[in-house]
Each structure stands twice: as structure tokens, then as C-alpha cells.
Amino acid sequence: QVQLVESGGGTVQPGGSLRLSCTASRSILSIVAMRWYRQAPGKERELVAFISRLGTTNYSNSVKGRFTISRDNAKNTVYLQMNSLKPEDTAVYYCNTFYGMDYWGKGTLVTVSS
């Protein structure tokens, strides 16, 4: 079993930056892909960023060029650096992995507001 714990959310003004972290309870990051999803109020959960076990990354069109996903295997942690934040980025952000089954963290809230 794997626990995923997100942190780093908060309130930021438009144009600001935040870095989210997701730490896994086991040393699996070198053998699994990791994903960041988000869910805004009244909307479905959407995939934001993906990093493969080999380090290949992919992003949704809505965040491409502004968000960066990275991984520190030694710390069992995946990051989401979010720059040039917009009000429409406001959502609960979740990390996710599949390791025999789907695992999700409880999420961290990001609010972008002036």
C-alpha cells in the first residue's frame, strides 16, 4: 500500500507562483509514473501534468509553459512548480500513481485571487 501526501497549497495573487509537493510513503518513484490532477469547484477532475518513471513529462494545454513537474526519487517526492498563476488555476490539486492499483492523496487547495 502507498500513501501520498500533498502540501504547498495556499492563496496567491494572479501572476504569482507556488510549488506543490507530493511525498510517497514508499520508495516507488523510480518505478512508477506520477500525475498531478486538479478539480475546480463544480468541475470534473482533470489531468494537469505527468512524469514517467524515466522522466518524460507531459502537460495539459491549459498549463503548458507555466507549470513544471519534477521528481526527486531520493526524497520519494514529486513536485509541481506553478508560475504565472491565473484565477482559473484555482482548484484542489491531487497527486496520483498506479502501483497495482490507483493511489490518490487527499489534495491541497490552491486559490488564485486578488
Protein backbone atom coordinates (compact mmCIF):
# COMPACT_ATOMS: atom_id res chain seq x y z
CA GLN A 1 0.00 0.00 0.00
CA VAL A 2 1.11 3.56 -0.71
CA GLN A 3 0.15 6.83 0.97
CA LEU A 4 0.54 10.06 -0.95
CA VAL A 5 0.61 13.36 0.93
CA GLU A 6 0.37 16.69 -0.88
CA SER A 7 1.50 20.02 0.52
CA GLY A 8 2.30 23.54 -0.60
CA GLY A 9 -1.12 24.87 -1.46
CA GLY A 10 -2.30 28.29 -0.42
CA THR A 11 -3.60 31.62 -1.65
CA VAL A 12 -1.65 33.61 -4.18
CA GLN A 13 -2.32 36.64 -6.35
CA PRO A 14 -2.65 36.32 -10.12
CA GLY A 15 0.79 36.13 -11.68
CA GLY A 16 2.27 34.55 -8.59
CA SER A 17 3.93 31.18 -8.05
CA LEU A 18 3.53 28.15 -5.83
CA ARG A 19 5.33 24.84 -5.56
CA LEU A 20 3.35 21.78 -4.62
CA SER A 21 4.93 18.65 -3.20
CA CYS A 22 3.68 15.09 -3.07
CA THR A 23 5.55 12.63 -0.88
CA ALA A 24 5.05 8.89 -1.14
CA SER A 25 5.26 6.59 1.86
CA ARG A 26 7.35 4.07 -0.05
CA SER A 27 10.36 4.29 -2.37
CA ILE A 28 8.48 3.70 -5.58
CA LEU A 29 9.05 6.88 -7.57
CA SER A 30 11.81 5.33 -9.65
CA ILE A 31 9.47 2.62 -10.92
CA VAL A 32 6.13 4.41 -11.38
CA ALA A 33 4.71 7.30 -13.30
CA MET A 34 3.29 10.17 -11.25
CA ARG A 35 0.47 12.53 -12.11
CA TRP A 36 -0.96 15.78 -10.82
CA TYR A 37 -4.68 16.32 -11.23
CA ARG A 38 -6.87 19.21 -10.17
CA GLN A 39 -10.54 19.70 -9.53
CA ALA A 40 -12.14 23.11 -9.55
CA PRO A 41 -15.50 23.74 -7.84
CA GLY A 42 -18.33 22.32 -9.92
CA LYS A 43 -15.97 20.77 -12.46
CA GLU A 44 -14.61 17.32 -13.17
CA ARG A 45 -11.13 16.30 -12.12
CA GLU A 46 -8.62 16.94 -14.89
CA LEU A 47 -5.09 15.73 -15.54
CA VAL A 48 -2.61 18.59 -15.31
CA ALA A 49 0.85 17.04 -15.52
CA PHE A 50 2.51 13.68 -15.91
CA ILE A 51 6.04 12.39 -15.36
CA SER A 52 7.07 8.89 -16.38
CA ARG A 53 9.46 6.73 -14.40
CA LEU A 54 12.09 7.67 -16.99
CA GLY A 55 11.43 11.38 -16.57
CA THR A 56 9.34 12.08 -19.65
CA THR A 57 6.85 14.86 -18.92
CA ASN A 58 3.56 15.95 -20.42
CA TYR A 59 1.15 18.78 -19.60
CA SER A 60 -2.38 19.83 -20.32
CA ASN A 61 -2.68 22.68 -22.79
CA SER A 62 -4.07 24.92 -20.07
CA VAL A 63 -0.83 24.83 -18.04
CA LYS A 64 1.83 24.15 -20.66
CA GLY A 65 4.65 26.66 -20.39
CA ARG A 66 3.62 27.73 -16.87
CA PHE A 67 3.79 24.53 -14.79
CA THR A 68 6.71 22.14 -14.38
CA ILE A 69 6.55 18.65 -12.91
CA SER A 70 9.71 17.13 -11.45
CA ARG A 71 10.71 14.31 -9.21
CA ASP A 72 13.30 13.60 -6.51
CA ASN A 73 13.47 9.84 -6.15
CA ALA A 74 15.76 10.01 -3.13
CA LYS A 75 13.10 12.02 -1.27
CA ASN A 76 10.17 9.99 -2.65
CA THR A 77 8.72 13.33 -3.71
CA VAL A 78 7.22 14.75 -6.88
CA TYR A 79 6.82 18.49 -7.33
CA LEU A 80 4.61 20.79 -9.34
CA GLN A 81 6.11 24.24 -9.85
CA MET A 82 3.32 26.61 -10.84
CA ASN A 83 4.20 30.01 -12.29
CA SER A 84 2.13 32.83 -13.79
CA LEU A 85 -0.89 31.59 -11.90
CA LYS A 86 -4.34 32.60 -13.08
CA PRO A 87 -7.70 32.67 -11.25
CA GLU A 88 -8.78 29.70 -13.36
CA ASP A 89 -5.99 27.64 -11.77
CA THR A 90 -7.95 27.72 -8.51
CA ALA A 91 -8.65 24.11 -7.56
CA VAL A 92 -7.79 21.27 -5.23
CA TYR A 93 -4.66 19.62 -6.58
CA TYR A 94 -4.14 15.88 -6.18
CA CYS A 95 -1.23 13.61 -6.91
CA ASN A 96 -1.82 10.14 -8.24
CA THR A 97 0.05 7.00 -9.13
CA PHE A 98 -0.77 3.47 -10.18
CA TYR A 99 1.11 0.74 -8.31
CA GLY A 100 -1.03 -2.34 -8.64
CA MET A 101 -3.97 -0.05 -8.06
CA ASP A 102 -4.73 3.66 -8.18
CA TYR A 103 -3.49 5.73 -5.25
CA TRP A 104 -4.54 9.30 -4.51
CA GLY A 105 -3.56 11.89 -1.99
CA LYS A 106 -6.15 13.94 -0.13
CA GLY A 107 -5.34 17.06 -2.09
CA THR A 108 -4.09 20.56 -1.41
CA LEU A 109 -6.10 23.70 -2.16
CA VAL A 110 -4.71 26.38 -4.44
CA THR A 111 -6.56 29.67 -4.59
CA VAL A 112 -5.55 32.36 -7.06
CA SER A 113 -7.25 35.61 -6.22
CA SER A 114 -6.52 39.29 -5.89
